[in-house]
Amino acid sequence: MRKNLFAGGFVLAAFVIALVAFGQRPSPSETPSPSPTSTPGLISTATPTPTPTATLTPTITPNDAGTVAVPTTLISPAPNGSPTPSATPISVQAAALGPSSLGWSERGSPIFKIDQAVITALQQNPAVLTAVEEIKRTKGVIIEIRAQALPHIGPSFTWNWTDPNLRERSNLTTFGGGGGGGGEGAINNLRSDISYNVQVTGSQLIFNYSTFRAIRGTFFQRDSAYFSLRNTIDQTIANVKTQFYQVIVNRELIVVQEESVQLLESQLKDQQNRFEAGTVPRFNVLQAQVQLYNQIPQLIAARNSYRISVLQLAKTLGLDFNPARGNAAPLRVTGDLIYIPRKIDLLAAIEEGKRNRPFLKQQRANVLNAIEQVHVAIGSWLPTINANGGGEWLSSQFNSSFGEVSKGWLTTATGSWPIWDSGNAWGKIQQQRALLSENEIAYDDDVRQVELEIQQASSNLAQNRELIQATEKNVETAEEAVRLAKARLDAGAGTQLDVLNAQVQLTTAQSTRLQALFGYNSSLAEFDRVTGMQSQYSEQFDAIAPHATSRGTYYTGSDVDARGRPKRNVGFQTTTTTTTTSQQPSSK
């Protein structure tokens, strides 16, 4: 009995083993390898008779026969077999990209490092040049207003000729004969036909309160223009850095997308060969096909984004379009996206930003100028005194010779005082006081804006720092996942979907890390701007800085108000109001 039971179990086990053996997938040795080729292959979506090799016919779009080709202008030749992600750093691969990958030629284009790009922008950027010219304009305003308080000297000349016939009289007589009318006519006839008058006079403003305060206001206008220049410089530097890093990341994203397309193309050819060998269904080929053609538009978009970012950087640098270059690149940048951790003390950064930002100092200058304009309006109530003086040379009535001229000195003093102007001066004062209050409110809001920008930049830095740390090992893990998925597929233990998913995850990981590096470096440039830490580039404009800008007048720390006066330390006060209601007894 036991012998029969043992024999039956042995037969059953042999049957199960044979069933499993016949149901296994083909081993790697049974799968035909793709024939060597450097041209992207077509995939036939028709149902062919399995043959040892496949005949590839180049096309671009699906046709009636159901064939689809990979555009050869979008990808580089794929290696034989199933390639794995390249071990060469992405930055090195990006630097080696040629015209076929970039969409234009960079041969002969000027090469810029980040410092060279910043210096070029400061020399040629239109916003910076406009700010410099604004300083020159305000200096002209100072000269114009100051001239009202300085002496004005100038000559004046009058020459007159009168026709003798206009002085002749009908009753001409000699002196002493006849009546008085004849003597007057004789005198008229003796007068010279030519008369002239020469004056050299000067005028001096003795007192005008409005003019003196207006002169002070022009200096604050000049200071405001200078701080506007410094603010424009900081903004330009931040823009150049951000656009520079954008060019680098867009160039490296091209490498990421090209690697993804190449791996998907290789996977597509592998599935085509397996399908023609009869080892996989046609669905695998279509799935790889869809995945590839979903990835190609992303490669096209990456190349276009790179070209657009280069053109935007060229405009910021003030580079003119050169028709001789045609479709070639206007410039080429060299540099890497590196991660240099920086420790941020938020409270210290906010205080540093308040003290350094030209943005606040410019608004302080506007407040001080508004104060002077209030005094200018007050001057409408006060008197104005002027003095004039000079010399005069007057010709003789009877002889036009210069030796017979009469000469002497002239002195005049004038004054005016508007005692009653029906409220004209008061209306001006009210307007200027309102404008002063508006500028003080704007200053307080600008302080809050600086605080907000610094906190935002610090938060963005923290976010991108965490992203970099999170993605630091993710790329290596994703590359290993792709390699293992392909190995499992070749061994018959995995599926094609695993390979495609692993490739998508690798592309996402590489793109996320590059974007994190770009975000960190651009956020760092923005942090330097909002805290006013771009002095290493701004120092070249110190030669045009007014002396007043280096004084304590433009100290904008947290302990002063809009006018620069020390703030009073007023703590939070809580006021409690108690209302007691007493009811009086009613009298009956």
Protein backbone atom coordinates (compact mmCIF):
# COMPACT_ATOMS: atom_id res chain seq x y z
CA MET A 1 0.00 0.00 0.00
CA ARG A 2 2.76 2.43 0.93
CA LYS A 3 4.68 1.54 -2.24
CA ASN A 4 1.67 2.37 -4.43
CA LEU A 5 1.14 5.70 -2.63
CA PHE A 6 4.79 6.65 -3.04
CA ALA A 7 4.71 5.79 -6.77
CA GLY A 8 1.58 7.86 -7.33
CA GLY A 9 3.14 10.91 -5.63
CA PHE A 10 6.27 10.60 -7.69
CA VAL A 11 4.28 10.55 -10.94
CA LEU A 12 2.24 13.57 -9.87
CA ALA A 13 5.38 15.58 -9.02
CA ALA A 14 6.96 14.76 -12.37
CA PHE A 15 3.84 15.92 -14.15
CA VAL A 16 3.82 19.28 -12.32
CA ILE A 17 7.52 19.86 -13.07
CA ALA A 18 6.99 19.18 -16.75
CA LEU A 19 4.00 21.52 -16.84
CA VAL A 20 5.96 24.35 -15.27
CA ALA A 21 8.91 23.82 -17.61
CA PHE A 22 6.75 24.05 -20.72
CA GLY A 23 4.99 27.18 -19.39
CA GLN A 24 8.15 29.24 -18.69
CA ARG A 25 9.07 32.25 -20.80
CA PRO A 26 11.90 31.93 -23.27
CA SER A 27 15.34 32.26 -21.73
CA PRO A 28 17.70 35.05 -22.81
CA SER A 29 19.53 32.60 -25.09
CA GLU A 30 16.31 31.95 -27.02
CA THR A 31 15.68 35.66 -27.63
CA PRO A 32 17.28 36.89 -30.86
CA SER A 33 19.49 39.94 -30.34
CA PRO A 34 18.89 43.02 -32.49
CA SER A 35 21.12 43.44 -35.49
CA PRO A 36 23.76 46.18 -35.16
CA THR A 37 22.60 49.48 -36.61
CA SER A 38 23.23 53.17 -36.02
CA THR A 39 19.97 54.32 -37.60
CA PRO A 40 16.78 54.55 -35.50
CA GLY A 41 14.56 51.62 -36.48
CA LEU A 42 10.96 51.41 -37.53
CA ILE A 43 8.37 49.39 -35.75
CA SER A 44 5.81 47.53 -37.77
CA THR A 45 2.37 47.65 -36.18
CA ALA A 46 1.01 45.05 -38.61
CA THR A 47 0.99 41.37 -37.69
CA PRO A 48 3.90 39.86 -39.65
CA THR A 49 5.01 36.28 -39.95
CA PRO A 50 7.79 35.69 -37.41
CA THR A 51 11.18 35.82 -39.13
CA PRO A 52 14.71 35.76 -37.73
CA THR A 53 15.42 39.39 -38.72
CA ALA A 54 13.43 42.51 -39.36
CA THR A 55 13.56 44.76 -42.42
CA LEU A 56 13.41 48.44 -41.43
CA THR A 57 12.02 51.11 -43.72
CA PRO A 58 12.49 54.80 -42.72
CA THR A 59 9.27 56.79 -42.32
CA ILE A 60 8.12 59.60 -40.08
CA THR A 61 4.40 59.12 -39.57
CA PRO A 62 2.16 56.06 -39.51
CA ASN A 63 1.15 54.89 -42.97
CA ASP A 64 -1.28 52.38 -44.37
CA ALA A 65 1.08 49.53 -43.65
CA GLY A 66 1.10 50.53 -39.98
CA THR A 67 4.80 51.47 -39.69
CA VAL A 68 6.17 54.25 -37.47
CA ALA A 69 9.70 55.70 -37.37
CA VAL A 70 11.61 57.71 -34.82
CA PRO A 71 12.68 61.09 -36.33
CA THR A 72 16.44 60.92 -36.76
CA THR A 73 16.86 64.65 -36.12
CA LEU A 74 15.59 64.37 -32.56
CA ILE A 75 17.86 61.73 -31.08
CA SER A 76 21.43 60.64 -31.31
CA PRO A 77 22.35 57.20 -32.64
CA ALA A 78 21.60 54.59 -30.02
CA PRO A 79 24.18 51.98 -29.08
CA ASN A 80 23.65 48.33 -29.72
CA GLY A 81 21.78 46.26 -27.18
CA SER A 82 20.05 47.79 -24.18
CA PRO A 83 21.96 50.89 -22.99
CA THR A 84 22.06 51.89 -19.37
CA PRO A 85 22.11 55.48 -18.06
CA SER A 86 25.44 57.19 -18.73
CA ALA A 87 27.91 57.50 -15.86
CA THR A 88 29.29 60.76 -17.32
CA PRO A 89 28.11 63.81 -15.32
CA ILE A 90 25.22 65.64 -16.95
CA SER A 91 27.15 68.94 -16.91
CA VAL A 92 29.96 67.38 -18.95
CA GLN A 93 27.51 65.91 -21.44
CA ALA A 94 25.72 69.26 -21.68
CA ALA A 95 28.96 71.09 -22.49
CA ALA A 96 29.60 68.64 -25.35
CA LEU A 97 26.21 69.07 -27.04
CA GLY A 98 26.46 69.94 -30.71
CA PRO A 99 24.24 71.79 -33.20
CA SER A 100 22.08 68.70 -33.80
CA SER A 101 21.14 68.62 -30.13
CA LEU A 102 20.77 72.37 -29.58
CA GLY A 103 19.05 73.36 -32.81
CA TRP A 104 21.69 75.96 -33.71
CA SER A 105 25.44 76.37 -33.90
CA GLU A 106 27.46 77.97 -31.10
CA ARG A 107 30.75 78.07 -32.96
CA GLY A 108 32.30 81.55 -32.78
CA SER A 109 29.76 82.82 -30.23
CA PRO A 110 31.18 84.88 -27.33
CA ILE A 111 31.62 82.81 -24.18
CA PHE A 112 30.43 84.24 -20.87
CA LYS A 113 31.08 83.18 -17.32
CA ILE A 114 28.74 84.50 -14.68
CA ASP A 115 31.03 87.35 -13.56
CA GLN A 116 31.62 88.42 -17.16
CA ALA A 117 27.88 88.35 -17.80
CA VAL A 118 27.16 90.55 -14.78
CA ILE A 119 29.84 93.11 -15.68
CA THR A 120 28.63 93.25 -19.29
CA ALA A 121 25.07 93.85 -18.12
CA LEU A 122 26.15 96.68 -15.83
CA GLN A 123 27.92 98.32 -18.77
CA GLN A 124 25.25 97.80 -21.43
CA ASN A 125 21.88 97.07 -19.82
CA PRO A 126 19.38 99.80 -20.83
CA ALA A 127 17.86 100.03 -17.35
CA VAL A 128 21.27 100.76 -15.80
CA LEU A 129 22.18 103.28 -18.48
CA THR A 130 18.83 105.04 -18.03
CA ALA A 131 19.37 105.28 -14.27
CA VAL A 132 22.82 106.83 -14.83
CA GLU A 133 21.32 109.45 -17.14
CA GLU A 134 18.66 110.21 -14.52
CA ILE A 135 21.44 111.15 -12.09
CA LYS A 136 22.82 113.57 -14.67
CA ARG A 137 19.35 115.08 -15.12
CA THR A 138 18.93 115.69 -11.39
CA LYS A 139 22.33 117.38 -11.28
CA GLY A 140 21.05 119.73 -13.97
CA VAL A 141 17.99 120.46 -11.82
CA ILE A 142 20.31 121.39 -8.93
CA ILE A 143 22.20 123.85 -11.14
CA GLU A 144 18.96 125.36 -12.43
CA ILE A 145 17.36 125.92 -9.02
CA ARG A 146 20.60 127.06 -7.39
CA ALA A 147 21.04 129.71 -10.07
CA GLN A 148 17.96 131.50 -8.76
CA ALA A 149 19.87 132.43 -5.59
CA LEU A 150 23.09 133.50 -7.36
CA PRO A 151 23.88 136.87 -9.03
CA HIS A 152 22.70 137.47 -12.59
CA ILE A 153 24.84 139.95 -14.54
CA GLY A 154 24.28 141.07 -18.10
CA PRO A 155 24.65 144.05 -20.44
CA SER A 156 21.86 145.76 -22.35
CA PHE A 157 22.15 148.16 -25.29
CA THR A 158 19.68 150.51 -26.93
CA TRP A 159 20.40 152.41 -30.20
CA ASN A 160 17.94 154.80 -31.81
CA TRP A 161 17.97 156.82 -35.03
CA THR A 162 15.32 159.46 -35.79
CA ASP A 163 14.75 160.99 -39.22
CA PRO A 164 15.52 164.79 -39.11
CA ASN A 165 12.35 165.55 -41.08
CA LEU A 166 10.32 164.44 -38.09
CA ARG A 167 11.83 167.27 -36.02
CA GLU A 168 11.63 170.14 -38.60
CA ARG A 169 9.11 172.94 -37.99
CA SER A 170 7.54 175.23 -40.53
CA ASN A 171 8.47 178.44 -38.66
CA LEU A 172 12.26 178.03 -38.41
CA THR A 173 13.98 181.06 -36.83
CA THR A 174 17.31 181.87 -35.29
CA PHE A 175 18.01 181.98 -31.59
CA GLY A 176 16.59 185.05 -29.88
CA GLY A 177 14.28 186.05 -32.72
CA GLY A 178 10.56 185.70 -32.59
CA GLY A 179 8.57 183.75 -30.09
CA GLY A 180 9.31 180.68 -28.03
CA GLY A 181 8.07 178.36 -30.76
CA GLY A 182 10.89 179.34 -33.08
CA GLY A 183 13.53 178.74 -30.37
CA GLU A 184 12.15 175.29 -29.64
CA GLY A 185 12.31 174.35 -33.31
CA ALA A 186 15.91 175.49 -33.51
CA ILE A 187 16.83 173.35 -30.54
CA ASN A 188 15.16 170.36 -32.09
CA ASN A 189 17.17 170.87 -35.23
CA LEU A 190 20.41 170.91 -33.25
CA ARG A 191 19.74 167.55 -31.57
CA SER A 192 21.58 164.50 -32.85
CA ASP A 193 19.76 162.04 -35.01
CA ILE A 194 21.37 159.14 -33.16
CA SER A 195 20.97 158.27 -29.52
CA TYR A 196 22.08 155.21 -27.58
CA ASN A 197 22.10 153.81 -24.07
CA VAL A 198 24.39 151.10 -22.63
CA GLN A 199 23.74 149.41 -19.29
CA VAL A 200 25.57 146.69 -17.37
CA THR A 201 23.39 145.58 -14.50
CA GLY A 202 23.32 142.79 -12.01
CA SER A 203 20.55 141.35 -9.87
CA GLN A 204 20.81 139.44 -6.62
CA LEU A 205 18.15 137.64 -4.62
CA ILE A 206 18.44 138.87 -1.06
CA PHE A 207 15.75 136.76 0.58
CA ASN A 208 13.26 134.20 -0.63
CA TYR A 209 12.50 131.33 1.73
CA SER A 210 10.94 129.15 -0.97
CA THR A 211 14.01 129.31 -3.20
CA PHE A 212 16.41 128.34 -0.44
CA ARG A 213 14.32 125.31 0.60
CA ALA A 214 13.81 124.30 -3.04
CA ILE A 215 17.58 124.15 -3.45
CA ARG A 216 17.79 121.73 -0.50
CA GLY A 217 15.06 119.64 -2.09
CA THR A 218 17.03 119.24 -5.32
CA PHE A 219 19.88 117.58 -3.44
CA PHE A 220 17.47 114.98 -2.08
CA GLN A 221 16.18 114.43 -5.63
CA ARG A 222 19.75 113.77 -6.73
CA ASP A 223 20.24 111.31 -3.86
CA SER A 224 16.98 109.57 -4.77
CA ALA A 225 18.21 109.15 -8.35
CA TYR A 226 21.47 107.65 -7.11
CA PHE A 227 19.73 105.13 -4.86
CA SER A 228 17.41 104.30 -7.74
CA LEU A 229 20.52 103.45 -9.75
CA ARG A 230 21.80 101.18 -6.97
CA ASN A 231 18.42 99.47 -6.77
CA THR A 232 18.42 98.98 -10.55
CA ILE A 233 21.93 97.52 -10.33
CA ASP A 234 20.86 95.01 -7.68
CA GLN A 235 17.82 94.00 -9.73
CA THR A 236 19.89 93.65 -12.90
CA ILE A 237 22.48 91.48 -11.15
CA ALA A 238 19.77 89.20 -9.78
CA ASN A 239 18.12 88.96 -13.22
CA VAL A 240 21.41 88.12 -14.93
CA LYS A 241 22.23 85.41 -12.40
CA THR A 242 18.76 83.88 -12.64
CA GLN A 243 18.77 83.90 -16.43
CA PHE A 244 22.34 82.56 -16.49
CA TYR A 245 21.36 79.63 -14.28
CA GLN A 246 18.23 79.13 -16.39
CA VAL A 247 20.39 78.68 -19.51
CA ILE A 248 22.55 76.10 -17.71
CA VAL A 249 19.62 74.07 -16.39
CA ASN A 250 17.83 74.15 -19.74
CA ARG A 251 20.95 72.87 -21.47
CA GLU A 252 21.32 70.03 -18.98
CA LEU A 253 17.62 69.17 -19.29
CA ILE A 254 18.29 68.53 -22.98
CA VAL A 255 20.76 65.83 -21.94
CA VAL A 256 18.18 64.30 -19.60
CA GLN A 257 15.53 64.21 -22.30
CA GLU A 258 17.95 62.85 -24.92
CA GLU A 259 19.03 60.03 -22.62
CA SER A 260 15.41 59.19 -21.94
CA VAL A 261 14.58 59.13 -25.65
CA GLN A 262 17.60 56.97 -26.43
CA LEU A 263 16.71 54.44 -23.72
CA LEU A 264 13.09 54.32 -24.85
CA GLU A 265 14.18 53.91 -28.46
CA SER A 266 16.41 51.00 -27.47
CA GLN A 267 13.55 49.46 -25.53
CA LEU A 268 11.30 49.88 -28.55
CA LYS A 269 13.75 48.11 -30.85
CA ASP A 270 14.18 45.33 -28.31
CA GLN A 271 10.44 44.76 -28.14
CA GLN A 272 10.25 44.84 -31.94
CA ASN A 273 12.86 42.11 -32.18
CA ARG A 274 11.10 40.04 -29.52
CA PHE A 275 7.80 40.49 -31.29
CA GLU A 276 9.25 39.37 -34.62
CA ALA A 277 10.70 36.36 -32.84
CA GLY A 278 7.22 35.56 -31.56
CA THR A 279 8.12 35.81 -27.86
CA VAL A 280 6.06 38.92 -26.91
CA PRO A 281 2.66 40.17 -28.02
CA ARG A 282 2.13 43.13 -30.31
CA PHE A 283 0.80 45.11 -27.34
CA ASN A 284 4.36 45.40 -25.96
CA VAL A 285 5.53 47.06 -29.18
CA LEU A 286 2.63 49.53 -29.16
CA GLN A 287 3.21 50.35 -25.51
CA ALA A 288 6.90 51.10 -26.08
CA GLN A 289 5.95 53.10 -29.16
CA VAL A 290 3.50 55.30 -27.24
CA GLN A 291 6.00 55.85 -24.44
CA LEU A 292 8.70 56.95 -26.90
CA TYR A 293 6.48 59.34 -28.78
CA ASN A 294 5.23 60.83 -25.53
CA GLN A 295 8.83 61.60 -24.61
CA ILE A 296 9.91 63.17 -27.92
CA PRO A 297 7.77 66.36 -27.50
CA GLN A 298 9.44 66.93 -24.15
CA LEU A 299 12.84 66.83 -25.87
CA ILE A 300 11.63 69.31 -28.49
CA ALA A 301 10.31 71.61 -25.75
CA ALA A 302 13.60 71.36 -23.81
CA ARG A 303 15.60 72.46 -26.86
CA ASN A 304 13.27 75.37 -27.53
CA SER A 305 13.39 76.46 -23.88
CA TYR A 306 17.18 76.49 -24.05
CA ARG A 307 17.24 78.69 -27.16
CA ILE A 308 14.68 81.11 -25.73
CA SER A 309 16.60 81.43 -22.44
CA VAL A 310 19.82 82.23 -24.35
CA LEU A 311 18.03 84.98 -26.32
CA GLN A 312 16.57 86.46 -23.14
CA LEU A 313 19.99 86.54 -21.50
CA ALA A 314 21.46 88.24 -24.58
CA LYS A 315 18.82 90.98 -24.32
CA THR A 316 19.51 91.51 -20.63
CA LEU A 317 23.23 91.84 -21.39
CA GLY A 318 22.47 94.47 -24.03
CA LEU A 319 23.86 92.45 -26.94
CA ASP A 320 22.66 93.64 -30.35
CA PHE A 321 21.45 91.23 -32.99
CA ASN A 322 24.14 90.52 -35.57
CA PRO A 323 22.61 89.63 -38.96
CA ALA A 324 25.92 87.99 -39.96
CA ARG A 325 25.43 85.19 -37.43
CA GLY A 326 22.07 84.19 -38.93
CA ASN A 327 20.50 81.46 -36.84
CA ALA A 328 23.61 80.90 -34.73
CA ALA A 329 23.62 81.43 -30.98
CA PRO A 330 24.30 85.01 -29.80
CA LEU A 331 26.37 83.73 -26.87
CA ARG A 332 27.40 80.67 -24.94
CA VAL A 333 27.59 80.32 -21.19
CA THR A 334 29.98 78.20 -19.19
CA GLY A 335 29.35 77.18 -15.63
CA ASP A 336 27.83 74.56 -13.36
CA LEU A 337 24.87 74.39 -11.06
CA ILE A 338 26.58 73.73 -7.76
CA TYR A 339 25.20 73.48 -4.27
CA ILE A 340 27.02 75.55 -1.64
CA PRO A 341 25.04 75.51 1.61
CA ARG A 342 24.65 78.87 3.29
CA LYS A 343 23.50 79.29 6.85
CA ILE A 344 20.78 81.93 7.10
CA ASP A 345 20.02 83.90 10.25
CA LEU A 346 16.61 85.30 9.38
CA LEU A 347 16.47 88.04 12.04
CA ALA A 348 19.96 89.28 11.21
CA ALA A 349 19.17 89.11 7.48
CA ILE A 350 16.03 91.23 7.90
CA GLU A 351 17.93 93.90 9.82
CA GLU A 352 20.78 93.81 7.30
CA GLY A 353 18.31 94.18 4.46
CA LYS A 354 16.70 97.22 6.05
CA ARG A 355 20.05 98.90 6.47
CA ASN A 356 21.47 98.04 3.06
CA ARG A 357 18.58 98.14 0.61
CA PRO A 358 18.83 101.12 -1.77
CA PHE A 359 15.09 100.68 -2.18
CA LEU A 360 14.49 102.06 1.32
CA LYS A 361 17.16 104.76 1.06
CA GLN A 362 15.53 106.02 -2.13
CA GLN A 363 12.20 106.32 -0.35
CA ARG A 364 13.92 108.10 2.57
CA ALA A 365 15.26 110.66 0.08
CA ASN A 366 11.72 111.12 -1.27
CA VAL A 367 10.43 111.76 2.26
CA LEU A 368 13.13 114.36 2.93
CA ASN A 369 12.40 116.04 -0.39
CA ALA A 370 8.69 116.14 0.49
CA ILE A 371 9.58 117.91 3.75
CA GLU A 372 11.43 120.58 1.79
CA GLN A 373 8.46 121.00 -0.54
CA VAL A 374 6.28 121.76 2.48
CA HIS A 375 8.70 124.55 3.42
CA VAL A 376 8.66 125.79 -0.16
CA ALA A 377 4.90 126.19 0.13
CA ILE A 378 5.30 127.95 3.51
CA GLY A 379 7.61 130.45 1.79
CA SER A 380 4.60 131.80 -0.11
CA TRP A 381 3.65 133.62 3.12
CA LEU A 382 7.05 135.28 3.51
CA PRO A 383 8.49 138.36 1.77
CA THR A 384 10.81 138.41 -1.22
CA ILE A 385 13.64 140.95 -1.49
CA ASN A 386 15.78 141.61 -4.57
CA ALA A 387 18.58 144.10 -5.30
CA ASN A 388 19.67 145.43 -8.70
CA GLY A 389 22.67 147.59 -9.53
CA GLY A 390 25.05 148.51 -12.33
CA GLY A 391 26.42 151.22 -14.59
CA GLU A 392 24.83 153.20 -17.45
CA TRP A 393 26.31 155.06 -20.41
CA LEU A 394 23.88 157.56 -22.03
CA SER A 395 24.67 159.41 -25.25
CA SER A 396 24.46 163.24 -25.52
CA GLN A 397 21.34 164.80 -27.09
CA PHE A 398 23.42 167.02 -29.36
CA ASN A 399 26.42 164.83 -30.16
CA SER A 400 26.55 161.09 -30.84
CA SER A 401 30.25 160.89 -30.13
CA PHE A 402 31.15 158.32 -27.47
CA GLY A 403 33.36 160.90 -25.77
CA GLU A 404 30.32 163.03 -24.96
CA VAL A 405 28.38 160.29 -23.16
CA SER A 406 27.03 160.65 -19.66
CA LYS A 407 27.81 157.80 -17.28
CA GLY A 408 26.90 156.81 -13.75
CA TRP A 409 25.72 154.11 -11.35
CA LEU A 410 22.26 152.66 -10.76
CA THR A 411 21.01 150.90 -7.64
CA THR A 412 17.54 149.50 -7.04
CA ALA A 413 16.06 147.45 -4.24
CA THR A 414 12.64 145.82 -4.50
CA GLY A 415 10.56 143.87 -2.07
CA SER A 416 7.14 142.23 -1.95
CA TRP A 417 5.07 140.57 0.73
CA PRO A 418 1.75 138.88 -0.04
CA ILE A 419 -0.30 139.92 2.97
CA TRP A 420 -3.57 138.53 1.66
CA ASP A 421 -3.76 135.92 -1.14
CA SER A 422 -7.23 134.52 -0.45
CA GLY A 423 -5.86 131.19 0.77
CA ASN A 424 -3.54 130.45 -2.17
CA ALA A 425 -0.51 129.76 0.05
CA TRP A 426 -2.54 127.74 2.55
CA GLY A 427 -3.86 125.53 -0.23
CA LYS A 428 -0.29 124.80 -1.38
CA ILE A 429 0.77 123.95 2.16
CA GLN A 430 -2.11 121.53 2.58
CA GLN A 431 -1.21 119.76 -0.66
CA GLN A 432 2.44 119.36 0.26
CA ARG A 433 1.65 118.10 3.73
CA ALA A 434 -0.62 115.45 2.24
CA LEU A 435 2.14 114.41 -0.18
CA LEU A 436 4.55 114.18 2.75
CA SER A 437 2.17 111.89 4.61
CA GLU A 438 1.82 109.74 1.49
CA ASN A 439 5.59 109.37 1.23
CA GLU A 440 5.87 108.42 4.91
CA ILE A 441 3.14 105.80 4.48
CA ALA A 442 4.93 104.50 1.38
CA TYR A 443 8.17 104.24 3.37
CA ASP A 444 6.53 102.21 6.13
CA ASP A 445 4.98 99.93 3.53
CA ASP A 446 8.35 99.56 1.80
CA VAL A 447 9.86 98.43 5.10
CA ARG A 448 7.23 95.72 5.32
CA GLN A 449 7.90 94.85 1.67
CA VAL A 450 11.59 94.37 2.42
CA GLU A 451 10.72 92.16 5.38
CA LEU A 452 8.37 90.11 3.18
CA GLU A 453 10.90 89.70 0.36
CA ILE A 454 13.62 88.54 2.74
CA GLN A 455 11.31 86.02 4.40
CA GLN A 456 10.15 84.74 1.01
CA ALA A 457 13.72 84.37 -0.24
CA SER A 458 14.71 82.57 2.95
CA SER A 459 11.73 80.22 2.65
CA ASN A 460 12.55 79.49 -1.00
CA LEU A 461 16.15 78.74 -0.04
CA ALA A 462 14.99 76.33 2.64
CA GLN A 463 12.62 74.62 0.20
CA ASN A 464 15.24 74.14 -2.49
CA ARG A 465 17.81 73.03 0.08
CA GLU A 466 15.42 70.31 1.24
CA LEU A 467 14.68 69.34 -2.38
CA ILE A 468 18.38 68.96 -3.12
CA GLN A 469 18.89 66.82 -0.06
CA ALA A 470 15.83 64.73 -0.91
CA THR A 471 16.93 64.15 -4.50
CA GLU A 472 20.64 63.69 -3.75
CA LYS A 473 20.43 59.87 -3.75
CA ASN A 474 17.20 59.58 -5.70
CA VAL A 475 18.90 59.86 -9.09
CA GLU A 476 21.35 57.08 -8.29
CA THR A 477 18.50 54.93 -6.99
CA ALA A 478 16.45 55.57 -10.13
CA GLU A 479 19.40 54.67 -12.38
CA GLU A 480 19.88 51.42 -10.46
CA ALA A 481 16.14 50.72 -10.76
CA VAL A 482 16.34 51.08 -14.55
CA ARG A 483 19.30 48.73 -14.73
CA LEU A 484 17.58 46.11 -12.56
CA ALA A 485 14.31 46.39 -14.48
CA LYS A 486 16.11 45.79 -17.78
CA ALA A 487 18.05 42.87 -16.28
CA ARG A 488 14.84 41.32 -14.96
CA LEU A 489 13.22 41.72 -18.35
CA ASP A 490 16.16 40.10 -20.13
CA ALA A 491 16.05 37.23 -17.63
CA GLY A 492 12.34 36.75 -18.16
CA ALA A 493 11.46 37.65 -14.57
CA GLY A 494 10.18 41.18 -15.24
CA THR A 495 7.83 42.98 -17.58
CA GLN A 496 8.23 45.73 -20.10
CA LEU A 497 5.97 47.98 -18.03
CA ASP A 498 8.50 47.80 -15.19
CA VAL A 499 11.24 49.08 -17.49
CA LEU A 500 9.10 51.93 -18.84
CA ASN A 501 8.01 52.98 -15.36
CA ALA A 502 11.60 52.89 -14.11
CA GLN A 503 12.71 55.06 -17.04
CA VAL A 504 9.96 57.59 -16.37
CA GLN A 505 10.99 57.74 -12.71
CA LEU A 506 14.64 58.26 -13.68
CA THR A 507 13.78 61.16 -15.99
CA THR A 508 11.60 62.70 -13.29
CA ALA A 509 14.34 62.33 -10.66
CA GLN A 510 17.00 63.89 -12.89
CA SER A 511 14.72 66.78 -13.87
CA THR A 512 13.68 67.38 -10.26
CA ARG A 513 17.27 67.52 -9.07
CA LEU A 514 18.27 69.96 -11.81
CA GLN A 515 15.29 72.16 -11.05
CA ALA A 516 16.16 72.03 -7.35
CA LEU A 517 19.73 73.14 -8.08
CA PHE A 518 18.46 75.92 -10.31
CA GLY A 519 15.91 76.98 -7.70
CA TYR A 520 18.53 77.11 -4.96
CA ASN A 521 21.00 79.19 -6.98
CA SER A 522 18.32 81.58 -8.27
CA SER A 523 16.88 81.89 -4.76
CA LEU A 524 20.36 82.66 -3.48
CA ALA A 525 20.71 85.44 -6.07
CA GLU A 526 17.34 86.83 -5.00
CA PHE A 527 18.33 86.61 -1.33
CA ASP A 528 21.48 88.63 -2.05
CA ARG A 529 19.34 91.24 -3.80
CA VAL A 530 16.72 91.66 -1.08
CA THR A 531 19.40 91.90 1.61
CA GLY A 532 21.52 94.38 -0.39
CA MET A 533 24.57 92.12 -0.58
CA GLN A 534 25.59 92.93 -4.18
CA SER A 535 28.21 95.50 -3.18
CA GLN A 536 31.04 93.67 -4.92
CA TYR A 537 29.54 94.72 -8.27
CA SER A 538 28.08 98.06 -7.17
CA GLU A 539 31.40 99.49 -6.00
CA GLN A 540 32.33 100.49 -9.53
CA PHE A 541 29.61 103.17 -9.33
CA ASP A 542 31.00 104.77 -6.18
CA ALA A 543 32.65 107.52 -8.23
CA ILE A 544 29.27 109.09 -8.99
CA ALA A 545 27.92 108.68 -5.45
CA PRO A 546 27.01 111.99 -3.75
CA HIS A 547 28.80 112.58 -0.44
CA ALA A 548 25.49 112.85 1.40
CA THR A 549 24.62 109.25 0.56
CA SER A 550 27.35 107.99 2.89
CA ARG A 551 26.13 109.92 5.92
CA GLY A 552 23.78 108.95 8.69
CA THR A 553 20.96 110.77 6.89
CA TYR A 554 20.20 107.57 5.00
CA TYR A 555 20.45 105.13 7.87
CA THR A 556 17.32 102.97 7.52
CA GLY A 557 17.57 100.54 10.41
CA SER A 558 14.63 99.30 12.44
CA ASP A 559 15.19 101.89 15.16
CA VAL A 560 14.34 104.96 13.02
CA ASP A 561 11.18 106.16 11.30
CA ALA A 562 10.55 107.43 7.78
CA ARG A 563 12.27 110.77 8.52
CA GLY A 564 15.26 109.15 10.20
CA ARG A 565 14.18 110.11 13.72
CA PRO A 566 14.65 107.56 16.53
CA LYS A 567 11.55 105.55 17.28
CA ARG A 568 10.04 105.59 20.71
CA ASN A 569 9.89 102.15 22.31
CA VAL A 570 6.19 101.81 22.83
CA GLY A 571 5.20 98.35 23.96
CA PHE A 572 1.85 96.70 23.49
CA GLN A 573 -0.73 98.20 25.77
CA THR A 574 -3.98 96.56 26.71
CA THR A 575 -6.84 98.78 27.63
CA THR A 576 -9.80 97.31 29.46
CA THR A 577 -13.01 99.27 29.49
CA THR A 578 -15.59 98.39 32.14
CA THR A 579 -19.10 99.67 31.76
CA THR A 580 -21.24 99.73 34.90
CA THR A 581 -24.95 100.21 34.62
CA SER A 582 -26.82 101.16 37.77
CA GLN A 583 -30.56 101.09 38.02
CA GLN A 584 -32.19 103.81 40.10
CA PRO A 585 -35.33 102.88 42.02
CA SER A 586 -38.38 104.43 40.52
CA SER A 587 -40.33 106.79 42.68
CA LYS A 588 -43.96 106.16 43.15
